[in-house]
């Protein structure tokens, strides 16, 4: 089984761009230990997702979570910009690395 890292995560974002668009993803970002290159074997993958207008709903969110866990074969923690604590938001936004999925 391949060990995942930041580069592989972004390669998979690009490889599955069409699938991510089906879930309504506009931008997808990586933050946390994987973004910093400090991940350990037990680390989960922290993802920040911006959905396209009108596409943010429970079904898309849950299906996206299952899909990402399947392609990464790891636990994924997904946040949206609106769900981040105001106290943590500046730190997360400073380190998040984005991939644009859907052109508006």
PDB file of N, CA and C in Angstrom:
ATOM      1  N   UNK A   1       0.848  -1.195   0.000  1.00  0.00           N
ATOM      2  CA  UNK A   1       0.000   0.000   0.000  1.00  0.00           C
ATOM      3  C   UNK A   1       0.887   1.250   0.000  1.00  0.00           C
ATOM      4  N   UNK A   2       0.571   2.193  -0.877  1.00  0.00           N
ATOM      5  CA  UNK A   2       1.411   3.386  -0.973  1.00  0.00           C
ATOM      6  C   UNK A   2       1.197   4.301   0.232  1.00  0.00           C
ATOM      7  N   UNK A   3       2.302   4.904   0.666  1.00  0.00           N
ATOM      8  CA  UNK A   3       2.209   5.901   1.736  1.00  0.00           C
ATOM      9  C   UNK A   3       1.870   7.229   1.071  1.00  0.00           C
ATOM     10  N   UNK A   4       0.910   7.919   1.634  1.00  0.00           N
ATOM     11  CA  UNK A   4       0.423   9.154   1.014  1.00  0.00           C
ATOM     12  C   UNK A   4       1.194  10.351   1.562  1.00  0.00           C
ATOM     13  N   UNK A   5       1.420  11.345   0.717  1.00  0.00           N
ATOM     14  CA  UNK A   5       2.042  12.593   1.147  1.00  0.00           C
ATOM     15  C   UNK A   5       1.354  13.744   0.406  1.00  0.00           C
ATOM     16  N   UNK A   6       1.814  14.952   0.680  1.00  0.00           N
ATOM     17  CA  UNK A   6       1.186  16.150   0.111  1.00  0.00           C
ATOM     18  C   UNK A   6       1.117  16.090  -1.418  1.00  0.00           C
ATOM     19  N   UNK A   7       2.206  15.709  -2.044  1.00  0.00           N
ATOM     20  CA  UNK A   7       2.247  15.659  -3.512  1.00  0.00           C
ATOM     21  C   UNK A   7       1.230  14.649  -4.057  1.00  0.00           C
ATOM     22  N   UNK A   8       1.163  13.476  -3.439  1.00  0.00           N
ATOM     23  CA  UNK A   8       0.210  12.452  -3.894  1.00  0.00           C
ATOM     24  C   UNK A   8      -1.230  12.909  -3.684  1.00  0.00           C
ATOM     25  N   UNK A   9      -1.476  13.619  -2.584  1.00  0.00           N
ATOM     26  CA  UNK A   9      -2.827  14.135  -2.322  1.00  0.00           C
ATOM     27  C   UNK A   9      -3.249  15.074  -3.449  1.00  0.00           C
ATOM     28  N   UNK A  10      -2.378  16.010  -3.826  1.00  0.00           N
ATOM     29  CA  UNK A  10      -2.726  16.958  -4.890  1.00  0.00           C
ATOM     30  C   UNK A  10      -2.816  16.274  -6.255  1.00  0.00           C
ATOM     31  N   UNK A  11      -1.999  15.250  -6.478  1.00  0.00           N
ATOM     32  CA  UNK A  11      -2.127  14.472  -7.720  1.00  0.00           C
ATOM     33  C   UNK A  11      -3.493  13.801  -7.791  1.00  0.00           C
ATOM     34  N   UNK A  12      -3.967  13.279  -6.648  1.00  0.00           N
ATOM     35  CA  UNK A  12      -5.285  12.637  -6.619  1.00  0.00           C
ATOM     36  C   UNK A  12      -6.403  13.664  -6.778  1.00  0.00           C
ATOM     37  N   UNK A  13      -6.244  14.866  -6.191  1.00  0.00           N
ATOM     38  CA  UNK A  13      -7.235  15.931  -6.406  1.00  0.00           C
ATOM     39  C   UNK A  13      -7.384  16.189  -7.902  1.00  0.00           C
ATOM     40  N   UNK A  14      -6.235  16.286  -8.609  1.00  0.00           N
ATOM     41  CA  UNK A  14      -6.273  16.571 -10.046  1.00  0.00           C
ATOM     42  C   UNK A  14      -6.820  15.378 -10.835  1.00  0.00           C
ATOM     43  N   UNK A  15      -6.401  14.178 -10.462  1.00  0.00           N
ATOM     44  CA  UNK A  15      -6.853  12.964 -11.158  1.00  0.00           C
ATOM     45  C   UNK A  15      -8.372  12.806 -11.079  1.00  0.00           C
ATOM     46  N   UNK A  16      -8.947  13.141  -9.926  1.00  0.00           N
ATOM     47  CA  UNK A  16     -10.385  12.947  -9.706  1.00  0.00           C
ATOM     48  C   UNK A  16     -11.179  14.253  -9.787  1.00  0.00           C
ATOM     49  N   UNK A  17     -10.651  15.210 -10.538  1.00  0.00           N
ATOM     50  CA  UNK A  17     -11.292  16.525 -10.661  1.00  0.00           C
ATOM     51  C   UNK A  17     -12.756  16.412 -11.090  1.00  0.00           C
ATOM     52  N   UNK A  18     -13.039  15.583 -12.094  1.00  0.00           N
ATOM     53  CA  UNK A  18     -14.423  15.443 -12.572  1.00  0.00           C
ATOM     54  C   UNK A  18     -15.336  14.897 -11.490  1.00  0.00           C
ATOM     55  N   UNK A  19     -14.856  13.922 -10.739  1.00  0.00           N
ATOM     56  CA  UNK A  19     -15.649  13.348  -9.651  1.00  0.00           C
ATOM     57  C   UNK A  19     -15.896  14.396  -8.561  1.00  0.00           C
ATOM     58  N   UNK A  20     -14.872  15.167  -8.222  1.00  0.00           N
ATOM     59  CA  UNK A  20     -15.020  16.214  -7.204  1.00  0.00           C
ATOM     60  C   UNK A  20     -16.045  17.256  -7.653  1.00  0.00           C
ATOM     61  N   UNK A  21     -16.048  17.579  -8.950  1.00  0.00           N
ATOM     62  CA  UNK A  21     -17.033  18.526  -9.476  1.00  0.00           C
ATOM     63  C   UNK A  21     -18.448  17.992  -9.300  1.00  0.00           C
ATOM     64  N   UNK A  22     -18.626  16.678  -9.441  1.00  0.00           N
ATOM     65  CA  UNK A  22     -19.956  16.075  -9.269  1.00  0.00           C
ATOM     66  C   UNK A  22     -20.485  16.274  -7.853  1.00  0.00           C
ATOM     67  N   UNK A  23     -19.570  16.359  -6.892  1.00  0.00           N
ATOM     68  CA  UNK A  23     -19.975  16.605  -5.499  1.00  0.00           C
ATOM     69  C   UNK A  23     -20.124  18.096  -5.209  1.00  0.00           C
ATOM     70  N   UNK A  24     -19.934  18.938  -6.230  1.00  0.00           N
ATOM     71  CA  UNK A  24     -20.126  20.374  -6.062  1.00  0.00           C
ATOM     72  C   UNK A  24     -18.921  21.118  -5.536  1.00  0.00           C
ATOM     73  N   UNK A  25     -17.738  20.500  -5.602  1.00  0.00           N
ATOM     74  CA  UNK A  25     -16.529  21.134  -5.070  1.00  0.00           C
ATOM     75  C   UNK A  25     -16.054  22.223  -6.021  1.00  0.00           C
ATOM     76  N   UNK A  26     -15.855  23.420  -5.480  1.00  0.00           N
ATOM     77  CA  UNK A  26     -15.276  24.531  -6.228  1.00  0.00           C
ATOM     78  C   UNK A  26     -13.765  24.573  -5.981  1.00  0.00           C
ATOM     79  N   UNK A  27     -13.381  24.589  -4.707  1.00  0.00           N
ATOM     80  CA  UNK A  27     -11.967  24.573  -4.324  1.00  0.00           C
ATOM     81  C   UNK A  27     -11.801  23.555  -3.210  1.00  0.00           C
ATOM     82  N   UNK A  28     -10.666  22.879  -3.230  1.00  0.00           N
ATOM     83  CA  UNK A  28     -10.369  21.915  -2.176  1.00  0.00           C
ATOM     84  C   UNK A  28      -8.962  22.207  -1.682  1.00  0.00           C
ATOM     85  N   UNK A  29      -8.800  22.217  -0.385  1.00  0.00           N
ATOM     86  CA  UNK A  29      -7.517  22.585   0.191  1.00  0.00           C
ATOM     87  C   UNK A  29      -7.047  21.597   1.236  1.00  0.00           C
ATOM     88  N   UNK A  30      -5.763  21.602   1.442  1.00  0.00           N
ATOM     89  CA  UNK A  30      -5.118  20.744   2.418  1.00  0.00           C
ATOM     90  C   UNK A  30      -4.514  21.629   3.496  1.00  0.00           C
ATOM     91  N   UNK A  31      -4.727  21.249   4.760  1.00  0.00           N
ATOM     92  CA  UNK A  31      -4.080  21.961   5.856  1.00  0.00           C
ATOM     93  C   UNK A  31      -3.667  20.942   6.905  1.00  0.00           C
ATOM     94  N   UNK A  32      -3.068  21.410   7.977  1.00  0.00           N
ATOM     95  CA  UNK A  32      -2.669  20.492   9.045  1.00  0.00           C
ATOM     96  C   UNK A  32      -1.348  19.807   8.751  1.00  0.00           C
ATOM     97  N   UNK A  33      -1.153  18.655   9.378  1.00  0.00           N
ATOM     98  CA  UNK A  33       0.154  17.988   9.338  1.00  0.00           C
ATOM     99  C   UNK A  33       0.592  17.613   7.920  1.00  0.00           C
ATOM    100  N   UNK A  34      -0.348  17.209   7.063  1.00  0.00           N
ATOM    101  CA  UNK A  34       0.040  16.848   5.689  1.00  0.00           C
ATOM    102  C   UNK A  34       0.491  18.073   4.903  1.00  0.00           C
ATOM    103  N   UNK A  35      -0.153  19.204   5.102  1.00  0.00           N
ATOM    104  CA  UNK A  35       0.236  20.434   4.400  1.00  0.00           C
ATOM    105  C   UNK A  35       1.624  20.893   4.851  1.00  0.00           C
ATOM    106  N   UNK A  36       1.922  20.668   6.130  1.00  0.00           N
ATOM    107  CA  UNK A  36       3.221  21.084   6.675  1.00  0.00           C
ATOM    108  C   UNK A  36       4.313  20.042   6.466  1.00  0.00           C
ATOM    109  N   UNK A  37       3.944  18.854   5.978  1.00  0.00           N
ATOM    110  CA  UNK A  37       4.918  17.778   5.822  1.00  0.00           C
ATOM    111  C   UNK A  37       5.317  17.153   7.144  1.00  0.00           C
ATOM    112  N   UNK A  38       4.460  17.283   8.160  1.00  0.00           N
ATOM    113  CA  UNK A  38       4.747  16.751   9.501  1.00  0.00           C
ATOM    114  C   UNK A  38       3.864  15.559   9.840  1.00  0.00           C
ATOM    115  N   UNK A  39       3.219  14.984   8.827  1.00  0.00           N
ATOM    116  CA  UNK A  39       2.291  13.883   9.072  1.00  0.00           C
ATOM    117  C   UNK A  39       3.013  12.626   9.547  1.00  0.00           C
ATOM    118  N   UNK A  40       2.295  11.878  10.370  1.00  0.00           N
ATOM    119  CA  UNK A  40       2.751  10.573  10.835  1.00  0.00           C
ATOM    120  C   UNK A  40       1.804   9.530  10.260  1.00  0.00           C
ATOM    121  N   UNK A  41       2.152   8.269  10.431  1.00  0.00           N
ATOM    122  CA  UNK A  41       1.339   7.184   9.873  1.00  0.00           C
ATOM    123  C   UNK A  41      -0.116   7.268  10.329  1.00  0.00           C
ATOM    124  N   UNK A  42      -0.337   7.652  11.596  1.00  0.00           N
ATOM    125  CA  UNK A  42      -1.700   7.691  12.145  1.00  0.00           C
ATOM    126  C   UNK A  42      -2.419   9.024  11.896  1.00  0.00           C
ATOM    127  N   UNK A  43      -1.761   9.980  11.261  1.00  0.00           N
ATOM    128  CA  UNK A  43      -2.379  11.288  11.006  1.00  0.00           C
ATOM    129  C   UNK A  43      -3.575  11.156  10.070  1.00  0.00           C
ATOM    130  N   UNK A  44      -4.625  11.942  10.365  1.00  0.00           N
ATOM    131  CA  UNK A  44      -5.712  12.018   9.390  1.00  0.00           C
ATOM    132  C   UNK A  44      -5.387  13.145   8.417  1.00  0.00           C
ATOM    133  N   UNK A  45      -6.147  13.210   7.342  1.00  0.00           N
ATOM    134  CA  UNK A  45      -5.912  14.228   6.315  1.00  0.00           C
ATOM    135  C   UNK A  45      -6.945  15.329   6.511  1.00  0.00           C
ATOM    136  N   UNK A  46      -6.464  16.546   6.766  1.00  0.00           N
ATOM    137  CA  UNK A  46      -7.341  17.696   7.011  1.00  0.00           C
ATOM    138  C   UNK A  46      -7.609  18.413   5.695  1.00  0.00           C
ATOM    139  N   UNK A  47      -8.887  18.476   5.341  1.00  0.00           N
ATOM    140  CA  UNK A  47      -9.314  19.031   4.054  1.00  0.00           C
ATOM    141  C   UNK A  47     -10.260  20.202   4.293  1.00  0.00           C
ATOM    142  N   UNK A  48     -10.052  21.281   3.552  1.00  0.00           N
ATOM    143  CA  UNK A  48     -10.963  22.425   3.566  1.00  0.00           C
ATOM    144  C   UNK A  48     -11.633  22.473   2.195  1.00  0.00           C
ATOM    145  N   UNK A  49     -12.958  22.480   2.186  1.00  0.00           N
ATOM    146  CA  UNK A  49     -13.714  22.434   0.933  1.00  0.00           C
ATOM    147  C   UNK A  49     -14.590  23.667   0.797  1.00  0.00           C
ATOM    148  N   UNK A  50     -14.500  24.311  -0.359  1.00  0.00           N
ATOM    149  CA  UNK A  50     -15.442  25.367  -0.724  1.00  0.00           C
ATOM    150  C   UNK A  50     -16.331  24.782  -1.817  1.00  0.00           C
ATOM    151  N   UNK A  51     -17.623  24.724  -1.536  1.00  0.00           N
ATOM    152  CA  UNK A  51     -18.570  24.201  -2.520  1.00  0.00           C
ATOM    153  C   UNK A  51     -19.003  25.309  -3.468  1.00  0.00           C
ATOM    154  N   UNK A  52     -19.358  24.929  -4.688  1.00  0.00           N
ATOM    155  CA  UNK A  52     -19.924  25.878  -5.645  1.00  0.00           C
ATOM    156  C   UNK A  52     -21.277  26.345  -5.130  1.00  0.00           C
ATOM    157  N   UNK A  53     -21.685  27.531  -5.544  1.00  0.00           N
ATOM    158  CA  UNK A  53     -22.957  28.102  -5.093  1.00  0.00           C
ATOM    159  C   UNK A  53     -24.103  27.123  -5.339  1.00  0.00           C
ATOM    160  N   UNK A  54     -24.897  26.881  -4.308  1.00  0.00           N
ATOM    161  CA  UNK A  54     -26.055  26.000  -4.420  1.00  0.00           C
ATOM    162  C   UNK A  54     -25.740  24.517  -4.338  1.00  0.00           C
ATOM    163  N   UNK A  55     -24.471  24.159  -4.177  1.00  0.00           N
ATOM    164  CA  UNK A  55     -24.071  22.742  -4.164  1.00  0.00           C
ATOM    165  C   UNK A  55     -23.715  22.240  -2.767  1.00  0.00           C
ATOM    166  N   UNK A  56     -23.704  23.149  -1.786  1.00  0.00           N
ATOM    167  CA  UNK A  56     -23.342  22.733  -0.431  1.00  0.00           C
ATOM    168  C   UNK A  56     -24.574  22.148   0.244  1.00  0.00           C
ATOM    169  N   UNK A  57     -24.598  20.825   0.349  1.00  0.00           N
ATOM    170  CA  UNK A  57     -25.694  20.161   1.043  1.00  0.00           C
ATOM    171  C   UNK A  57     -25.154  18.912   1.730  1.00  0.00           C
ATOM    172  N   UNK A  58     -25.976  18.335   2.578  1.00  0.00           N
ATOM    173  CA  UNK A  58     -25.555  17.196   3.386  1.00  0.00           C
ATOM    174  C   UNK A  58     -25.100  16.021   2.521  1.00  0.00           C
ATOM    175  N   UNK A  59     -25.869  15.700   1.477  1.00  0.00           N
ATOM    176  CA  UNK A  59     -25.520  14.554   0.630  1.00  0.00           C
ATOM    177  C   UNK A  59     -24.155  14.734  -0.032  1.00  0.00           C
ATOM    178  N   UNK A  60     -23.913  15.904  -0.616  1.00  0.00           N
ATOM    179  CA  UNK A  60     -22.621  16.149  -1.257  1.00  0.00           C
ATOM    180  C   UNK A  60     -21.482  16.073  -0.248  1.00  0.00           C
ATOM    181  N   UNK A  61     -21.703  16.637   0.942  1.00  0.00           N
ATOM    182  CA  UNK A  61     -20.672  16.645   1.981  1.00  0.00           C
ATOM    183  C   UNK A  61     -20.316  15.213   2.390  1.00  0.00           C
ATOM    184  N   UNK A  62     -21.330  14.402   2.687  1.00  0.00           N
ATOM    185  CA  UNK A  62     -21.103  13.030   3.148  1.00  0.00           C
ATOM    186  C   UNK A  62     -20.509  12.166   2.036  1.00  0.00           C
ATOM    187  N   UNK A  63     -21.045  12.280   0.826  1.00  0.00           N
ATOM    188  CA  UNK A  63     -20.514  11.490  -0.288  1.00  0.00           C
ATOM    189  C   UNK A  63     -19.069  11.870  -0.593  1.00  0.00           C
ATOM    190  N   UNK A  64     -18.750  13.162  -0.488  1.00  0.00           N
ATOM    191  CA  UNK A  64     -17.377  13.613  -0.681  1.00  0.00           C
ATOM    192  C   UNK A  64     -16.463  13.005   0.383  1.00  0.00           C
ATOM    193  N   UNK A  65     -16.908  13.007   1.632  1.00  0.00           N
ATOM    194  CA  UNK A  65     -16.103  12.438   2.719  1.00  0.00           C
ATOM    195  C   UNK A  65     -15.801  10.962   2.461  1.00  0.00           C
ATOM    196  N   UNK A  66     -16.823  10.195   2.090  1.00  0.00           N
ATOM    197  CA  UNK A  66     -16.615   8.772   1.795  1.00  0.00           C
ATOM    198  C   UNK A  66     -15.668   8.591   0.609  1.00  0.00           C
ATOM    199  N   UNK A  67     -15.862   9.399  -0.430  1.00  0.00           N
ATOM    200  CA  UNK A  67     -15.030   9.297  -1.628  1.00  0.00           C
ATOM    201  C   UNK A  67     -13.559   9.572  -1.302  1.00  0.00           C
ATOM    202  N   UNK A  68     -13.295  10.651  -0.552  1.00  0.00           N
ATOM    203  CA  UNK A  68     -11.910  11.001  -0.222  1.00  0.00           C
ATOM    204  C   UNK A  68     -11.260   9.931   0.651  1.00  0.00           C
ATOM    205  N   UNK A  69     -12.005   9.403   1.616  1.00  0.00           N
ATOM    206  CA  UNK A  69     -11.439   8.344   2.464  1.00  0.00           C
ATOM    207  C   UNK A  69     -11.123   7.102   1.630  1.00  0.00           C
ATOM    208  N   UNK A  70     -11.926   6.854   0.621  1.00  0.00           N
ATOM    209  CA  UNK A  70     -11.684   5.701  -0.250  1.00  0.00           C
ATOM    210  C   UNK A  70     -10.427   5.897  -1.096  1.00  0.00           C
ATOM    211  N   UNK A  71     -10.272   7.064  -1.726  1.00  0.00           N
ATOM    212  CA  UNK A  71      -9.104   7.248  -2.602  1.00  0.00           C
ATOM    213  C   UNK A  71      -7.805   7.408  -1.810  1.00  0.00           C
ATOM    214  N   UNK A  72      -7.876   7.979  -0.611  1.00  0.00           N
ATOM    215  CA  UNK A  72      -6.667   8.141   0.204  1.00  0.00           C
ATOM    216  C   UNK A  72      -6.405   6.930   1.092  1.00  0.00           C
ATOM    217  N   UNK A  73      -7.441   6.110   1.308  1.00  0.00           N
ATOM    218  CA  UNK A  73      -7.358   4.967   2.216  1.00  0.00           C
ATOM    219  C   UNK A  73      -6.920   5.417   3.615  1.00  0.00           C
ATOM    220  N   UNK A  74      -7.457   6.559   4.042  1.00  0.00           N
ATOM    221  CA  UNK A  74      -7.150   7.153   5.349  1.00  0.00           C
ATOM    222  C   UNK A  74      -8.366   7.918   5.843  1.00  0.00           C
ATOM    223  N   UNK A  75      -8.391   8.166   7.151  1.00  0.00           N
ATOM    224  CA  UNK A  75      -9.443   9.005   7.720  1.00  0.00           C
ATOM    225  C   UNK A  75      -9.236  10.439   7.241  1.00  0.00           C
ATOM    226  N   UNK A  76     -10.332  11.064   6.855  1.00  0.00           N
ATOM    227  CA  UNK A  76     -10.295  12.435   6.352  1.00  0.00           C
ATOM    228  C   UNK A  76     -11.178  13.298   7.247  1.00  0.00           C
ATOM    229  N   UNK A  77     -10.679  14.471   7.602  1.00  0.00           N
ATOM    230  CA  UNK A  77     -11.441  15.435   8.387  1.00  0.00           C
ATOM    231  C   UNK A  77     -11.742  16.618   7.469  1.00  0.00           C
ATOM    232  N   UNK A  78     -13.021  16.816   7.145  1.00  0.00           N
ATOM    233  CA  UNK A  78     -13.409  17.858   6.189  1.00  0.00           C
ATOM    234  C   UNK A  78     -14.060  19.026   6.911  1.00  0.00           C
ATOM    235  N   UNK A  79     -13.600  20.217   6.577  1.00  0.00           N
ATOM    236  CA  UNK A  79     -14.213  21.451   7.068  1.00  0.00           C
ATOM    237  C   UNK A  79     -14.615  22.306   5.874  1.00  0.00           C
ATOM    238  N   UNK A  80     -15.574  23.190   6.106  1.00  0.00           N
ATOM    239  CA  UNK A  80     -15.884  24.245   5.144  1.00  0.00           C
ATOM    240  C   UNK A  80     -15.463  25.550   5.807  1.00  0.00           C
ATOM    241  N   UNK A  81     -15.217  26.605   5.033  1.00  0.00           N
ATOM    242  CA  UNK A  81     -14.807  27.873   5.651  1.00  0.00           C
ATOM    243  C   UNK A  81     -15.783  28.345   6.730  1.00  0.00           C
ATOM    244  N   UNK A  82     -17.085  28.069   6.530  1.00  0.00           N
ATOM    245  CA  UNK A  82     -18.103  28.518   7.484  1.00  0.00           C
ATOM    246  C   UNK A  82     -18.071  27.720   8.785  1.00  0.00           C
ATOM    247  N   UNK A  83     -17.517  26.514   8.740  1.00  0.00           N
ATOM    248  CA  UNK A  83     -17.544  25.655   9.929  1.00  0.00           C
ATOM    249  C   UNK A  83     -16.317  25.814  10.825  1.00  0.00           C
ATOM    250  N   UNK A  84     -15.351  26.602  10.390  1.00  0.00           N
ATOM    251  CA  UNK A  84     -14.125  26.767  11.180  1.00  0.00           C
ATOM    252  C   UNK A  84     -14.375  27.744  12.321  1.00  0.00           C
ATOM    253  N   UNK A  85     -13.900  27.384  13.486  1.00  0.00           N
ATOM    254  CA  UNK A  85     -13.971  28.284  14.635  1.00  0.00           C
ATOM    255  C   UNK A  85     -13.275  29.597  14.288  1.00  0.00           C
ATOM    256  N   UNK A  86     -13.884  30.735  14.664  1.00  0.00           N
ATOM    257  CA  UNK A  86     -13.246  32.027  14.381  1.00  0.00           C
ATOM    258  C   UNK A  86     -11.858  32.144  15.016  1.00  0.00           C
ATOM    259  N   UNK A  87     -11.630  31.394  16.083  1.00  0.00           N
ATOM    260  CA  UNK A  87     -10.326  31.441  16.756  1.00  0.00           C
ATOM    261  C   UNK A  87      -9.259  30.674  15.977  1.00  0.00           C
ATOM    262  N   UNK A  88      -9.673  29.633  15.268  1.00  0.00           N
ATOM    263  CA  UNK A  88      -8.721  28.816  14.510  1.00  0.00           C
ATOM    264  C   UNK A  88      -8.567  29.254  13.060  1.00  0.00           C
ATOM    265  N   UNK A  89      -9.573  29.962  12.550  1.00  0.00           N
ATOM    266  CA  UNK A  89      -9.601  30.306  11.123  1.00  0.00           C
ATOM    267  C   UNK A  89      -8.323  30.996  10.628  1.00  0.00           C
ATOM    268  N   UNK A  90      -7.790  31.999  11.350  1.00  0.00           N
ATOM    269  CA  UNK A  90      -6.577  32.650  10.829  1.00  0.00           C
ATOM    270  C   UNK A  90      -5.401  31.685  10.662  1.00  0.00           C
ATOM    271  N   UNK A  91      -5.272  30.733  11.573  1.00  0.00           N
ATOM    272  CA  UNK A  91      -4.162  29.779  11.503  1.00  0.00           C
ATOM    273  C   UNK A  91      -4.349  28.800  10.349  1.00  0.00           C
ATOM    274  N   UNK A  92      -5.571  28.338  10.183  1.00  0.00           N
ATOM    275  CA  UNK A  92      -5.858  27.387   9.104  1.00  0.00           C
ATOM    276  C   UNK A  92      -5.711  28.067   7.749  1.00  0.00           C
ATOM    277  N   UNK A  93      -6.286  29.266   7.603  1.00  0.00           N
ATOM    278  CA  UNK A  93      -6.246  29.954   6.313  1.00  0.00           C
ATOM    279  C   UNK A  93      -4.815  30.330   5.921  1.00  0.00           C
ATOM    280  N   UNK A  94      -3.959  30.515   6.916  1.00  0.00           N
ATOM    281  CA  UNK A  94      -2.567  30.872   6.641  1.00  0.00           C
ATOM    282  C   UNK A  94      -1.798  29.695   6.025  1.00  0.00           C
ATOM    283  N   UNK A  95      -2.161  28.461   6.400  1.00  0.00           N
ATOM    284  CA  UNK A  95      -1.383  27.314   5.932  1.00  0.00           C
ATOM    285  C   UNK A  95      -2.075  26.477   4.858  1.00  0.00           C
ATOM    286  N   UNK A  96      -3.352  26.760   4.585  1.00  0.00           N
ATOM    287  CA  UNK A  96      -4.080  25.910   3.632  1.00  0.00           C
ATOM    288  C   UNK A  96      -3.518  26.073   2.218  1.00  0.00           C
ATOM    289  N   UNK A  97      -3.397  24.949   1.513  1.00  0.00           N
ATOM    290  CA  UNK A  97      -2.942  24.924   0.127  1.00  0.00           C
ATOM    291  C   UNK A  97      -4.128  24.482  -0.715  1.00  0.00           C
ATOM    292  N   UNK A  98      -4.543  25.325  -1.663  1.00  0.00           N
ATOM    293  CA  UNK A  98      -5.762  25.060  -2.433  1.00  0.00           C
ATOM    294  C   UNK A  98      -5.481  24.521  -3.828  1.00  0.00           C
ATOM    295  N   UNK A  99      -6.429  23.737  -4.314  1.00  0.00           N
ATOM    296  CA  UNK A  99      -6.503  23.309  -5.716  1.00  0.00           C
ATOM    297  C   UNK A  99      -7.886  23.733  -6.198  1.00  0.00           C
ATOM    298  N   UNK A 100      -7.947  24.513  -7.280  1.00  0.00           N
ATOM    299  CA  UNK A 100      -9.239  24.915  -7.834  1.00  0.00           C
ATOM    300  C   UNK A 100      -9.776  23.773  -8.685  1.00  0.00           C
ATOM    301  N   UNK A 101     -11.011  23.380  -8.423  1.00  0.00           N
ATOM    302  CA  UNK A 101     -11.621  22.242  -9.107  1.00  0.00           C
ATOM    303  C   UNK A 101     -12.582  22.710 -10.194  1.00  0.00           C
ATOM    304  N   UNK A 102     -13.399  23.699  -9.878  1.00  0.00           N
ATOM    305  CA  UNK A 102     -14.441  24.146 -10.797  1.00  0.00           C
ATOM    306  C   UNK A 102     -14.279  25.634 -11.050  1.00  0.00           C
ATOM    307  N   UNK A 103     -14.205  26.010 -12.300  1.00  0.00           N
ATOM    308  CA  UNK A 103     -14.137  27.439 -12.631  1.00  0.00           C
ATOM    309  C   UNK A 103     -15.552  28.000 -12.581  1.00  0.00           C
ATOM    310  N   UNK A 104     -15.738  29.071 -11.831  1.00  0.00           N
ATOM    311  CA  UNK A 104     -17.087  29.651 -11.690  1.00  0.00           C
ATOM    312  C   UNK A 104     -17.491  30.369 -12.966  1.00  0.00           C
TER     313      UNK A 104
END
